Amino acid sequence: MNFNGFNEGKLVLNVPVNWNVVIKFTNKDANLTHSAEVVDSVKPMPAGPMDPAFPRAASARLMEGLGAGASDSLRFVASKPGTYLIFCAVPGHGLAGMWLRLKVSATDKRPTLIATTS
C-alpha cells in the first residue's frame, strides 16, 4: 500500500495550527485491507493502532482495515503544533513503510504538500 504513490514518510503534509483537516481515505488495494490514522511521531514505529493524536483523526476499523474500494474520511482540527504520522494501523503495515508525515506549524499560514526523498 502507498498513499497516492508515496510511502515511508516521503510525502509531508504541512498545515497551520488549528487548521480543519479532511483526509479522504479509499483503499484501492484489491488484496489487503488498510486503515489510516494520525498518531504522534514515536520511536519505535507503532506495530498497530494507538490513540489518535487528534479526536476523529482515524478511519473506521483501524485494526481490521477497510476492504477493497471502501472509503472513510478523517476529519479533525490540527490543534497541536508538532510532527505526526499518517499511517496504516492494520498490524504490521506501518512497520512495512505504509506511512506519511503530517507537520502542524505554529507559523505557516497555508497548507503545503511536499515530496521528499527520505
PDB file of N, CA and C in Angstrom:
ATOM      1  N   MET A   1       0.835  -1.185   0.000  1.00  0.00           N
ATOM      2  CA  MET A   1       0.000   0.000   0.000  1.00  0.00           C
ATOM      3  C   MET A   1       0.871   1.235   0.000  1.00  0.00           C
ATOM      4  N   ASN A   2       0.368   2.288  -0.595  1.00  0.00           N
ATOM      5  CA  ASN A   2       1.021   3.589  -0.551  1.00  0.00           C
ATOM      6  C   ASN A   2      -0.082   4.640  -0.457  1.00  0.00           C
ATOM      7  N   PHE A   3       0.312   5.838  -0.168  1.00  0.00           N
ATOM      8  CA  PHE A   3      -0.616   6.958  -0.100  1.00  0.00           C
ATOM      9  C   PHE A   3      -0.359   7.827  -1.321  1.00  0.00           C
ATOM     10  N   ASN A   4      -1.209   7.692  -2.342  1.00  0.00           N
ATOM     11  CA  ASN A   4      -1.054   8.427  -3.599  1.00  0.00           C
ATOM     12  C   ASN A   4       0.343   8.253  -4.176  1.00  0.00           C
ATOM     13  N   GLY A   5       0.893   7.056  -4.070  1.00  0.00           N
ATOM     14  CA  GLY A   5       2.204   6.758  -4.632  1.00  0.00           C
ATOM     15  C   GLY A   5       3.362   6.990  -3.684  1.00  0.00           C
ATOM     16  N   PHE A   6       3.101   7.422  -2.478  1.00  0.00           N
ATOM     17  CA  PHE A   6       4.160   7.711  -1.509  1.00  0.00           C
ATOM     18  C   PHE A   6       4.074   6.766  -0.317  1.00  0.00           C
ATOM     19  N   ASN A   7       5.234   6.495   0.289  1.00  0.00           N
ATOM     20  CA  ASN A   7       5.300   5.678   1.494  1.00  0.00           C
ATOM     21  C   ASN A   7       6.515   6.099   2.302  1.00  0.00           C
ATOM     22  N   GLU A   8       6.747   5.468   3.412  1.00  0.00           N
ATOM     23  CA  GLU A   8       7.918   5.673   4.264  1.00  0.00           C
ATOM     24  C   GLU A   8       8.236   7.148   4.526  1.00  0.00           C
ATOM     25  N   GLY A   9       7.203   7.966   4.715  1.00  0.00           N
ATOM     26  CA  GLY A   9       7.394   9.368   5.068  1.00  0.00           C
ATOM     27  C   GLY A   9       7.845  10.264   3.942  1.00  0.00           C
ATOM     28  N   LYS A  10       7.759   9.809   2.699  1.00  0.00           N
ATOM     29  CA  LYS A  10       8.267  10.587   1.562  1.00  0.00           C
ATOM     30  C   LYS A  10       7.289  11.633   1.043  1.00  0.00           C
ATOM     31  N   LEU A  11       6.180  11.814   1.743  1.00  0.00           N
ATOM     32  CA  LEU A  11       5.254  12.895   1.451  1.00  0.00           C
ATOM     33  C   LEU A  11       4.922  13.554   2.776  1.00  0.00           C
ATOM     34  N   VAL A  12       5.013  14.874   2.814  1.00  0.00           N
ATOM     35  CA  VAL A  12       4.771  15.622   4.045  1.00  0.00           C
ATOM     36  C   VAL A  12       3.639  16.615   3.803  1.00  0.00           C
ATOM     37  N   LEU A  13       2.592  16.493   4.587  1.00  0.00           N
ATOM     38  CA  LEU A  13       1.502  17.452   4.577  1.00  0.00           C
ATOM     39  C   LEU A  13       1.752  18.422   5.718  1.00  0.00           C
ATOM     40  N   ASN A  14       1.939  19.712   5.386  1.00  0.00           N
ATOM     41  CA  ASN A  14       2.122  20.757   6.389  1.00  0.00           C
ATOM     42  C   ASN A  14       0.830  21.550   6.481  1.00  0.00           C
ATOM     43  N   VAL A  15       0.334  21.754   7.705  1.00  0.00           N
ATOM     44  CA  VAL A  15      -0.867  22.564   7.902  1.00  0.00           C
ATOM     45  C   VAL A  15      -0.634  23.537   9.049  1.00  0.00           C
ATOM     46  N   PRO A  16      -1.294  24.694   8.999  1.00  0.00           N
ATOM     47  CA  PRO A  16      -1.206  25.620  10.126  1.00  0.00           C
ATOM     48  C   PRO A  16      -1.930  25.056  11.349  1.00  0.00           C
ATOM     49  N   VAL A  17      -1.468  25.433  12.511  1.00  0.00           N
ATOM     50  CA  VAL A  17      -2.128  25.009  13.745  1.00  0.00           C
ATOM     51  C   VAL A  17      -3.583  25.498  13.726  1.00  0.00           C
ATOM     52  N   ASN A  18      -4.466  24.697  14.258  1.00  0.00           N
ATOM     53  CA  ASN A  18      -5.912  24.935  14.312  1.00  0.00           C
ATOM     54  C   ASN A  18      -6.594  24.853  12.951  1.00  0.00           C
ATOM     55  N   TRP A  19      -5.920  24.266  11.974  1.00  0.00           N
ATOM     56  CA  TRP A  19      -6.487  24.059  10.643  1.00  0.00           C
ATOM     57  C   TRP A  19      -7.482  22.913  10.697  1.00  0.00           C
ATOM     58  N   ASN A  20      -8.601  23.050   9.988  1.00  0.00           N
ATOM     59  CA  ASN A  20      -9.556  21.952   9.838  1.00  0.00           C
ATOM     60  C   ASN A  20      -9.044  21.044   8.728  1.00  0.00           C
ATOM     61  N   VAL A  21      -8.748  19.803   9.061  1.00  0.00           N
ATOM     62  CA  VAL A  21      -8.164  18.862   8.118  1.00  0.00           C
ATOM     63  C   VAL A  21      -9.192  17.793   7.759  1.00  0.00           C
ATOM     64  N   VAL A  22      -9.305  17.520   6.463  1.00  0.00           N
ATOM     65  CA  VAL A  22     -10.146  16.424   5.982  1.00  0.00           C
ATOM     66  C   VAL A  22      -9.266  15.566   5.075  1.00  0.00           C
ATOM     67  N   ILE A  23      -9.101  14.308   5.447  1.00  0.00           N
ATOM     68  CA  ILE A  23      -8.349  13.357   4.640  1.00  0.00           C
ATOM     69  C   ILE A  23      -9.334  12.303   4.159  1.00  0.00           C
ATOM     70  N   LYS A  24      -9.546  12.244   2.848  1.00  0.00           N
ATOM     71  CA  LYS A  24     -10.433  11.233   2.268  1.00  0.00           C
ATOM     72  C   LYS A  24      -9.593  10.008   1.977  1.00  0.00           C
ATOM     73  N   PHE A  25      -9.919   8.906   2.623  1.00  0.00           N
ATOM     74  CA  PHE A  25      -9.147   7.670   2.522  1.00  0.00           C
ATOM     75  C   PHE A  25      -9.965   6.618   1.784  1.00  0.00           C
ATOM     76  N   THR A  26      -9.410   6.074   0.707  1.00  0.00           N
ATOM     77  CA  THR A  26     -10.031   4.975  -0.043  1.00  0.00           C
ATOM     78  C   THR A  26      -9.005   3.865  -0.201  1.00  0.00           C
ATOM     79  N   ASN A  27      -9.387   2.654   0.139  1.00  0.00           N
ATOM     80  CA  ASN A  27      -8.496   1.511  -0.050  1.00  0.00           C
ATOM     81  C   ASN A  27      -8.607   1.034  -1.492  1.00  0.00           C
ATOM     82  N   LYS A  28      -7.558   1.267  -2.272  1.00  0.00           N
ATOM     83  CA  LYS A  28      -7.537   0.846  -3.673  1.00  0.00           C
ATOM     84  C   LYS A  28      -6.721  -0.429  -3.871  1.00  0.00           C
ATOM     85  N   ASP A  29      -6.390  -1.082  -2.769  1.00  0.00           N
ATOM     86  CA  ASP A  29      -5.649  -2.350  -2.818  1.00  0.00           C
ATOM     87  C   ASP A  29      -6.658  -3.488  -2.914  1.00  0.00           C
ATOM     88  N   ALA A  30      -6.600  -4.259  -3.985  1.00  0.00           N
ATOM     89  CA  ALA A  30      -7.552  -5.346  -4.194  1.00  0.00           C
ATOM     90  C   ALA A  30      -7.265  -6.559  -3.319  1.00  0.00           C
ATOM     91  N   ASN A  31      -6.065  -6.620  -2.707  1.00  0.00           N
ATOM     92  CA  ASN A  31      -5.667  -7.827  -1.997  1.00  0.00           C
ATOM     93  C   ASN A  31      -5.665  -7.720  -0.475  1.00  0.00           C
ATOM     94  N   LEU A  32      -5.454  -6.522   0.074  1.00  0.00           N
ATOM     95  CA  LEU A  32      -5.326  -6.369   1.525  1.00  0.00           C
ATOM     96  C   LEU A  32      -6.241  -5.282   2.056  1.00  0.00           C
ATOM     97  N   THR A  33      -6.602  -5.391   3.326  1.00  0.00           N
ATOM     98  CA  THR A  33      -7.329  -4.323   3.995  1.00  0.00           C
ATOM     99  C   THR A  33      -6.332  -3.291   4.517  1.00  0.00           C
ATOM    100  N   HIS A  34      -6.790  -2.032   4.628  1.00  0.00           N
ATOM    101  CA  HIS A  34      -5.942  -0.956   5.125  1.00  0.00           C
ATOM    102  C   HIS A  34      -6.788   0.035   5.911  1.00  0.00           C
ATOM    103  N   SER A  35      -6.116   0.821   6.758  1.00  0.00           N
ATOM    104  CA  SER A  35      -6.770   1.884   7.506  1.00  0.00           C
ATOM    105  C   SER A  35      -5.848   3.100   7.496  1.00  0.00           C
ATOM    106  N   ALA A  36      -6.312   4.202   8.057  1.00  0.00           N
ATOM    107  CA  ALA A  36      -5.486   5.408   8.152  1.00  0.00           C
ATOM    108  C   ALA A  36      -5.731   6.059   9.502  1.00  0.00           C
ATOM    109  N   GLU A  37      -4.632   6.477  10.139  1.00  0.00           N
ATOM    110  CA  GLU A  37      -4.726   7.091  11.459  1.00  0.00           C
ATOM    111  C   GLU A  37      -3.601   8.108  11.607  1.00  0.00           C
ATOM    112  N   VAL A  38      -3.884   9.246  12.255  1.00  0.00           N
ATOM    113  CA  VAL A  38      -2.858  10.232  12.579  1.00  0.00           C
ATOM    114  C   VAL A  38      -2.447   9.992  14.021  1.00  0.00           C
ATOM    115  N   VAL A  39      -1.148   9.716  14.217  1.00  0.00           N
ATOM    116  CA  VAL A  39      -0.634   9.427  15.557  1.00  0.00           C
ATOM    117  C   VAL A  39       0.603  10.274  15.812  1.00  0.00           C
ATOM    118  N   ASP A  40       0.968  10.396  17.089  1.00  0.00           N
ATOM    119  CA  ASP A  40       2.205  11.075  17.437  1.00  0.00           C
ATOM    120  C   ASP A  40       3.378  10.366  16.789  1.00  0.00           C
ATOM    121  N   SER A  41       4.369  11.121  16.380  1.00  0.00           N
ATOM    122  CA  SER A  41       5.581  10.558  15.787  1.00  0.00           C
ATOM    123  C   SER A  41       6.426   9.972  16.909  1.00  0.00           C
ATOM    124  N   VAL A  42       6.412   8.657  17.022  1.00  0.00           N
ATOM    125  CA  VAL A  42       7.109   7.970  18.117  1.00  0.00           C
ATOM    126  C   VAL A  42       8.087   6.953  17.551  1.00  0.00           C
ATOM    127  N   LYS A  43       9.070   6.631  18.348  1.00  0.00           N
ATOM    128  CA  LYS A  43      10.017   5.564  18.002  1.00  0.00           C
ATOM    129  C   LYS A  43       9.959   4.558  19.133  1.00  0.00           C
ATOM    130  N   PRO A  44       9.888   3.300  18.859  1.00  0.00           N
ATOM    131  CA  PRO A  44       9.782   2.740  17.511  1.00  0.00           C
ATOM    132  C   PRO A  44       8.408   2.994  16.908  1.00  0.00           C
ATOM    133  N   MET A  45       8.309   2.767  15.612  1.00  0.00           N
ATOM    134  CA  MET A  45       7.048   2.895  14.890  1.00  0.00           C
ATOM    135  C   MET A  45       6.020   1.974  15.533  1.00  0.00           C
ATOM    136  N   PRO A  46       4.796   2.444  15.730  1.00  0.00           N
ATOM    137  CA  PRO A  46       3.765   1.561  16.303  1.00  0.00           C
ATOM    138  C   PRO A  46       3.519   0.344  15.409  1.00  0.00           C
ATOM    139  N   ALA A  47       3.279  -0.787  16.027  1.00  0.00           N
ATOM    140  CA  ALA A  47       3.015  -2.016  15.278  1.00  0.00           C
ATOM    141  C   ALA A  47       1.552  -2.114  14.845  1.00  0.00           C
ATOM    142  N   GLY A  48       0.680  -1.304  15.462  1.00  0.00           N
ATOM    143  CA  GLY A  48      -0.748  -1.342  15.166  1.00  0.00           C
ATOM    144  C   GLY A  48      -1.416  -0.098  15.690  1.00  0.00           C
ATOM    145  N   PRO A  49      -2.741  -0.117  15.824  1.00  0.00           N
ATOM    146  CA  PRO A  49      -3.478   1.071  16.239  1.00  0.00           C
ATOM    147  C   PRO A  49      -3.038   1.584  17.613  1.00  0.00           C
ATOM    148  N   MET A  50      -3.113   2.885  17.770  1.00  0.00           N
ATOM    149  CA  MET A  50      -2.909   3.527  19.057  1.00  0.00           C
ATOM    150  C   MET A  50      -3.868   4.708  19.123  1.00  0.00           C
ATOM    151  N   ASP A  51      -3.877   5.412  20.232  1.00  0.00           N
ATOM    152  CA  ASP A  51      -4.772   6.557  20.343  1.00  0.00           C
ATOM    153  C   ASP A  51      -4.402   7.596  19.287  1.00  0.00           C
ATOM    154  N   PRO A  52      -5.394   8.121  18.552  1.00  0.00           N
ATOM    155  CA  PRO A  52      -5.076   9.136  17.553  1.00  0.00           C
ATOM    156  C   PRO A  52      -4.566  10.415  18.218  1.00  0.00           C
ATOM    157  N   ALA A  53      -3.748  11.156  17.488  1.00  0.00           N
ATOM    158  CA  ALA A  53      -3.180  12.402  18.003  1.00  0.00           C
ATOM    159  C   ALA A  53      -4.245  13.481  18.182  1.00  0.00           C
ATOM    160  N   PHE A  54      -5.320  13.405  17.412  1.00  0.00           N
ATOM    161  CA  PHE A  54      -6.412  14.370  17.474  1.00  0.00           C
ATOM    162  C   PHE A  54      -7.731  13.612  17.440  1.00  0.00           C
ATOM    163  N   PRO A  55      -8.754  14.109  18.123  1.00  0.00           N
ATOM    164  CA  PRO A  55     -10.063  13.450  18.028  1.00  0.00           C
ATOM    165  C   PRO A  55     -10.516  13.346  16.571  1.00  0.00           C
ATOM    166  N   ARG A  56     -11.032  12.179  16.188  1.00  0.00           N
ATOM    167  CA  ARG A  56     -11.565  11.874  14.859  1.00  0.00           C
ATOM    168  C   ARG A  56     -10.495  11.803  13.771  1.00  0.00           C
ATOM    169  N   ALA A  57      -9.228  11.634  14.166  1.00  0.00           N
ATOM    170  CA  ALA A  57      -8.136  11.534  13.186  1.00  0.00           C
ATOM    171  C   ALA A  57      -7.826  10.075  12.885  1.00  0.00           C
ATOM    172  N   ALA A  58      -8.872   9.286  12.637  1.00  0.00           N
ATOM    173  CA  ALA A  58      -8.702   7.862  12.360  1.00  0.00           C
ATOM    174  C   ALA A  58      -9.863   7.374  11.510  1.00  0.00           C
ATOM    175  N   SER A  59      -9.548   6.476  10.595  1.00  0.00           N
ATOM    176  CA  SER A  59     -10.599   5.855   9.798  1.00  0.00           C
ATOM    177  C   SER A  59     -11.307   4.792  10.630  1.00  0.00           C
ATOM    178  N   ALA A  60     -12.389   4.299  10.099  1.00  0.00           N
ATOM    179  CA  ALA A  60     -13.112   3.194  10.744  1.00  0.00           C
ATOM    180  C   ALA A  60     -12.272   1.929  10.649  1.00  0.00           C
ATOM    181  N   ARG A  61     -12.522   1.000  11.547  1.00  0.00           N
ATOM    182  CA  ARG A  61     -11.924  -0.336  11.521  1.00  0.00           C
ATOM    183  C   ARG A  61     -10.401  -0.299  11.443  1.00  0.00           C
ATOM    184  N   LEU A  62      -9.785   0.429  12.367  1.00  0.00           N
ATOM    185  CA  LEU A  62      -8.329   0.590  12.352  1.00  0.00           C
ATOM    186  C   LEU A  62      -7.589  -0.738  12.344  1.00  0.00           C
ATOM    187  N   MET A  63      -7.948  -1.643  13.223  1.00  0.00           N
ATOM    188  CA  MET A  63      -7.240  -2.917  13.358  1.00  0.00           C
ATOM    189  C   MET A  63      -7.513  -3.831  12.166  1.00  0.00           C
ATOM    190  N   GLU A  64      -8.764  -3.943  11.765  1.00  0.00           N
ATOM    191  CA  GLU A  64      -9.134  -4.855  10.685  1.00  0.00           C
ATOM    192  C   GLU A  64      -8.877  -4.245   9.314  1.00  0.00           C
ATOM    193  N   GLY A  65      -9.001  -2.940   9.200  1.00  0.00           N
ATOM    194  CA  GLY A  65      -8.852  -2.245   7.932  1.00  0.00           C
ATOM    195  C   GLY A  65     -10.115  -2.281   7.104  1.00  0.00           C
ATOM    196  N   LEU A  66     -10.158  -1.423   6.118  1.00  0.00           N
ATOM    197  CA  LEU A  66     -11.270  -1.359   5.183  1.00  0.00           C
ATOM    198  C   LEU A  66     -10.946  -2.223   3.975  1.00  0.00           C
ATOM    199  N   GLY A  67     -11.953  -2.882   3.436  1.00  0.00           N
ATOM    200  CA  GLY A  67     -11.755  -3.751   2.281  1.00  0.00           C
ATOM    201  C   GLY A  67     -11.559  -2.976   0.994  1.00  0.00           C
ATOM    202  N   ALA A  68     -11.279  -3.683  -0.069  1.00  0.00           N
ATOM    203  CA  ALA A  68     -11.042  -3.090  -1.385  1.00  0.00           C
ATOM    204  C   ALA A  68     -12.199  -2.184  -1.792  1.00  0.00           C
ATOM    205  N   GLY A  69     -11.868  -0.950  -2.164  1.00  0.00           N
ATOM    206  CA  GLY A  69     -12.860   0.012  -2.621  1.00  0.00           C
ATOM    207  C   GLY A  69     -13.583   0.765  -1.530  1.00  0.00           C
ATOM    208  N   ALA A  70     -13.431   0.363  -0.277  1.00  0.00           N
ATOM    209  CA  ALA A  70     -14.117   1.038   0.826  1.00  0.00           C
ATOM    210  C   ALA A  70     -13.442   2.376   1.129  1.00  0.00           C
ATOM    211  N   SER A  71     -14.241   3.338   1.605  1.00  0.00           N
ATOM    212  CA  SER A  71     -13.753   4.681   1.889  1.00  0.00           C
ATOM    213  C   SER A  71     -14.193   5.144   3.267  1.00  0.00           C
ATOM    214  N   ASP A  72     -13.456   6.097   3.797  1.00  0.00           N
ATOM    215  CA  ASP A  72     -13.808   6.784   5.031  1.00  0.00           C
ATOM    216  C   ASP A  72     -13.078   8.117   5.018  1.00  0.00           C
ATOM    217  N   SER A  73     -13.483   9.026   5.879  1.00  0.00           N
ATOM    218  CA  SER A  73     -12.820  10.324   5.977  1.00  0.00           C
ATOM    219  C   SER A  73     -12.365  10.575   7.397  1.00  0.00           C
ATOM    220  N   LEU A  74     -11.166  11.124   7.517  1.00  0.00           N
ATOM    221  CA  LEU A  74     -10.650  11.594   8.791  1.00  0.00           C
ATOM    222  C   LEU A  74     -10.941  13.092   8.810  1.00  0.00           C
ATOM    223  N   ARG A  75     -11.610  13.576   9.829  1.00  0.00           N
ATOM    224  CA  ARG A  75     -11.965  14.995   9.946  1.00  0.00           C
ATOM    225  C   ARG A  75     -11.586  15.456  11.336  1.00  0.00           C
ATOM    226  N   PHE A  76     -10.601  16.356  11.403  1.00  0.00           N
ATOM    227  CA  PHE A  76     -10.116  16.788  12.709  1.00  0.00           C
ATOM    228  C   PHE A  76      -9.530  18.185  12.636  1.00  0.00           C
ATOM    229  N   VAL A  77      -9.355  18.789  13.797  1.00  0.00           N
ATOM    230  CA  VAL A  77      -8.680  20.074  13.914  1.00  0.00           C
ATOM    231  C   VAL A  77      -7.254  19.785  14.367  1.00  0.00           C
ATOM    232  N   ALA A  78      -6.286  20.278  13.616  1.00  0.00           N
ATOM    233  CA  ALA A  78      -4.871  20.098  13.953  1.00  0.00           C
ATOM    234  C   ALA A  78      -4.515  21.114  15.043  1.00  0.00           C
ATOM    235  N   SER A  79      -4.858  20.773  16.254  1.00  0.00           N
ATOM    236  CA  SER A  79      -4.828  21.737  17.363  1.00  0.00           C
ATOM    237  C   SER A  79      -3.499  21.842  18.096  1.00  0.00           C
ATOM    238  N   LYS A  80      -2.534  20.963  17.796  1.00  0.00           N
ATOM    239  CA  LYS A  80      -1.247  20.981  18.498  1.00  0.00           C
ATOM    240  C   LYS A  80      -0.099  20.996  17.499  1.00  0.00           C
ATOM    241  N   PRO A  81       0.783  22.016  17.574  1.00  0.00           N
ATOM    242  CA  PRO A  81       1.946  22.006  16.684  1.00  0.00           C
ATOM    243  C   PRO A  81       2.805  20.771  16.946  1.00  0.00           C
ATOM    244  N   GLY A  82       3.438  20.270  15.902  1.00  0.00           N
ATOM    245  CA  GLY A  82       4.320  19.116  16.054  1.00  0.00           C
ATOM    246  C   GLY A  82       4.373  18.291  14.793  1.00  0.00           C
ATOM    247  N   THR A  83       5.097  17.186  14.862  1.00  0.00           N
ATOM    248  CA  THR A  83       5.235  16.257  13.746  1.00  0.00           C
ATOM    249  C   THR A  83       4.505  14.965  14.084  1.00  0.00           C
ATOM    250  N   TYR A  84       3.712  14.493  13.154  1.00  0.00           N
ATOM    251  CA  TYR A  84       2.861  13.322  13.358  1.00  0.00           C
ATOM    252  C   TYR A  84       3.027  12.366  12.179  1.00  0.00           C
ATOM    253  N   LEU A  85       2.477  11.178  12.325  1.00  0.00           N
ATOM    254  CA  LEU A  85       2.457  10.195  11.253  1.00  0.00           C
ATOM    255  C   LEU A  85       1.022   9.976  10.798  1.00  0.00           C
ATOM    256  N   ILE A  86       0.828   9.847   9.505  1.00  0.00           N
ATOM    257  CA  ILE A  86      -0.426   9.343   8.948  1.00  0.00           C
ATOM    258  C   ILE A  86      -0.070   7.931   8.508  1.00  0.00           C
ATOM    259  N   PHE A  87      -0.579   6.938   9.226  1.00  0.00           N
ATOM    260  CA  PHE A  87      -0.121   5.581   8.926  1.00  0.00           C
ATOM    261  C   PHE A  87      -1.249   4.573   8.894  1.00  0.00           C
ATOM    262  N   CYS A  88      -0.966   3.458   8.241  1.00  0.00           N
ATOM    263  CA  CYS A  88      -1.906   2.348   8.206  1.00  0.00           C
ATOM    264  C   CYS A  88      -1.782   1.613   9.529  1.00  0.00           C
ATOM    265  N   ALA A  89      -2.877   1.550  10.268  1.00  0.00           N
ATOM    266  CA  ALA A  89      -2.861   0.966  11.604  1.00  0.00           C
ATOM    267  C   ALA A  89      -3.140  -0.538  11.623  1.00  0.00           C
ATOM    268  N   VAL A  90      -3.386  -1.142  10.457  1.00  0.00           N
ATOM    269  CA  VAL A  90      -3.520  -2.597  10.424  1.00  0.00           C
ATOM    270  C   VAL A  90      -2.188  -3.166  10.918  1.00  0.00           C
ATOM    271  N   PRO A  91      -2.209  -4.073  11.891  1.00  0.00           N
ATOM    272  CA  PRO A  91      -0.958  -4.557  12.485  1.00  0.00           C
ATOM    273  C   PRO A  91       0.099  -4.942  11.453  1.00  0.00           C
ATOM    274  N   GLY A  92       1.291  -4.363  11.626  1.00  0.00           N
ATOM    275  CA  GLY A  92       2.430  -4.629  10.776  1.00  0.00           C
ATOM    276  C   GLY A  92       2.552  -3.734   9.557  1.00  0.00           C
ATOM    277  N   HIS A  93       1.465  -3.091   9.134  1.00  0.00           N
ATOM    278  CA  HIS A  93       1.507  -2.298   7.911  1.00  0.00           C
ATOM    279  C   HIS A  93       2.362  -1.037   8.060  1.00  0.00           C
ATOM    280  N   GLY A  94       2.219  -0.315   9.178  1.00  0.00           N
ATOM    281  CA  GLY A  94       3.057   0.864   9.406  1.00  0.00           C
ATOM    282  C   GLY A  94       4.527   0.487   9.435  1.00  0.00           C
ATOM    283  N   LEU A  95       4.836  -0.625  10.091  1.00  0.00           N
ATOM    284  CA  LEU A  95       6.225  -1.103  10.147  1.00  0.00           C
ATOM    285  C   LEU A  95       6.767  -1.440   8.767  1.00  0.00           C
ATOM    286  N   ALA A  96       5.887  -1.786   7.839  1.00  0.00           N
ATOM    287  CA  ALA A  96       6.285  -2.124   6.473  1.00  0.00           C
ATOM    288  C   ALA A  96       6.427  -0.884   5.583  1.00  0.00           C
ATOM    289  N   GLY A  97       6.282   0.309   6.159  1.00  0.00           N
ATOM    290  CA  GLY A  97       6.504   1.537   5.399  1.00  0.00           C
ATOM    291  C   GLY A  97       5.258   2.267   4.950  1.00  0.00           C
ATOM    292  N   MET A  98       4.096   1.840   5.411  1.00  0.00           N
ATOM    293  CA  MET A  98       2.845   2.460   4.992  1.00  0.00           C
ATOM    294  C   MET A  98       2.538   3.659   5.882  1.00  0.00           C
ATOM    295  N   TRP A  99       3.294   4.759   5.669  1.00  0.00           N
ATOM    296  CA  TRP A  99       3.093   5.969   6.459  1.00  0.00           C
ATOM    297  C   TRP A  99       3.645   7.198   5.751  1.00  0.00           C
ATOM    298  N   LEU A 100       3.066   8.331   6.096  1.00  0.00           N
ATOM    299  CA  LEU A 100       3.478   9.656   5.624  1.00  0.00           C
ATOM    300  C   LEU A 100       3.662  10.546   6.839  1.00  0.00           C
ATOM    301  N   ARG A 101       4.086  11.782   6.614  1.00  0.00           N
ATOM    302  CA  ARG A 101       4.244  12.725   7.729  1.00  0.00           C
ATOM    303  C   ARG A 101       3.191  13.828   7.656  1.00  0.00           C
ATOM    304  N   LEU A 102       2.772  14.272   8.825  1.00  0.00           N
ATOM    305  CA  LEU A 102       1.913  15.441   8.972  1.00  0.00           C
ATOM    306  C   LEU A 102       2.643  16.389   9.907  1.00  0.00           C
ATOM    307  N   LYS A 103       2.894  17.607   9.454  1.00  0.00           N
ATOM    308  CA  LYS A 103       3.508  18.621  10.313  1.00  0.00           C
ATOM    309  C   LYS A 103       2.488  19.719  10.559  1.00  0.00           C
ATOM    310  N   VAL A 104       2.267  20.021  11.818  1.00  0.00           N
ATOM    311  CA  VAL A 104       1.364  21.093  12.206  1.00  0.00           C
ATOM    312  C   VAL A 104       2.237  22.253  12.664  1.00  0.00           C
ATOM    313  N   SER A 105       2.127  23.369  11.961  1.00  0.00           N
ATOM    314  CA  SER A 105       3.023  24.504  12.174  1.00  0.00           C
ATOM    315  C   SER A 105       2.326  25.661  12.896  1.00  0.00           C
ATOM    316  N   ALA A 106       3.026  26.241  13.855  1.00  0.00           N
ATOM    317  CA  ALA A 106       2.523  27.427  14.554  1.00  0.00           C
ATOM    318  C   ALA A 106       2.785  28.698  13.751  1.00  0.00           C
ATOM    319  N   THR A 107       3.605  28.615  12.681  1.00  0.00           N
ATOM    320  CA  THR A 107       3.963  29.815  11.913  1.00  0.00           C
ATOM    321  C   THR A 107       3.424  29.831  10.486  1.00  0.00           C
ATOM    322  N   ASP A 108       3.212  28.677   9.877  1.00  0.00           N
ATOM    323  CA  ASP A 108       2.700  28.650   8.499  1.00  0.00           C
ATOM    324  C   ASP A 108       1.282  29.200   8.448  1.00  0.00           C
ATOM    325  N   LYS A 109       0.964  29.853   7.332  1.00  0.00           N
ATOM    326  CA  LYS A 109      -0.360  30.458   7.156  1.00  0.00           C
ATOM    327  C   LYS A 109      -1.247  29.688   6.185  1.00  0.00           C
ATOM    328  N   ARG A 110      -0.642  28.746   5.434  1.00  0.00           N
ATOM    329  CA  ARG A 110      -1.416  27.946   4.476  1.00  0.00           C
ATOM    330  C   ARG A 110      -0.830  26.537   4.412  1.00  0.00           C
ATOM    331  N   PRO A 111      -1.620  25.573   3.991  1.00  0.00           N
ATOM    332  CA  PRO A 111      -1.106  24.199   3.901  1.00  0.00           C
ATOM    333  C   PRO A 111      -0.202  24.023   2.697  1.00  0.00           C
ATOM    334  N   THR A 112       0.714  23.066   2.786  1.00  0.00           N
ATOM    335  CA  THR A 112       1.578  22.684   1.672  1.00  0.00           C
ATOM    336  C   THR A 112       1.719  21.171   1.670  1.00  0.00           C
ATOM    337  N   LEU A 113       2.053  20.646   0.523  1.00  0.00           N
ATOM    338  CA  LEU A 113       2.303  19.216   0.364  1.00  0.00           C
ATOM    339  C   LEU A 113       3.662  19.091  -0.299  1.00  0.00           C
ATOM    340  N   ILE A 114       4.591  18.395   0.357  1.00  0.00           N
ATOM    341  CA  ILE A 114       5.972  18.339  -0.104  1.00  0.00           C
ATOM    342  C   ILE A 114       6.417  16.881  -0.248  1.00  0.00           C
ATOM    343  N   ALA A 115       6.907  16.544  -1.432  1.00  0.00           N
ATOM    344  CA  ALA A 115       7.503  15.234  -1.670  1.00  0.00           C
ATOM    345  C   ALA A 115       8.977  15.312  -1.270  1.00  0.00           C
ATOM    346  N   THR A 116       9.463  14.289  -0.575  1.00  0.00           N
ATOM    347  CA  THR A 116      10.855  14.249  -0.144  1.00  0.00           C
ATOM    348  C   THR A 116      11.488  12.956  -0.616  1.00  0.00           C
ATOM    349  N   THR A 117      12.798  12.855  -0.461  1.00  0.00           N
ATOM    350  CA  THR A 117      13.496  11.622  -0.829  1.00  0.00           C
ATOM    351  C   THR A 117      13.795  10.768   0.388  1.00  0.00           C
ATOM    352  N   SER A 118      13.512  11.289   1.578  1.00  0.00           N
ATOM    353  CA  SER A 118      13.781  10.495   2.787  1.00  0.00           C
ATOM    354  C   SER A 118      12.688  10.654   3.811  1.00  0.00           C
TER     355      SER A 118
END
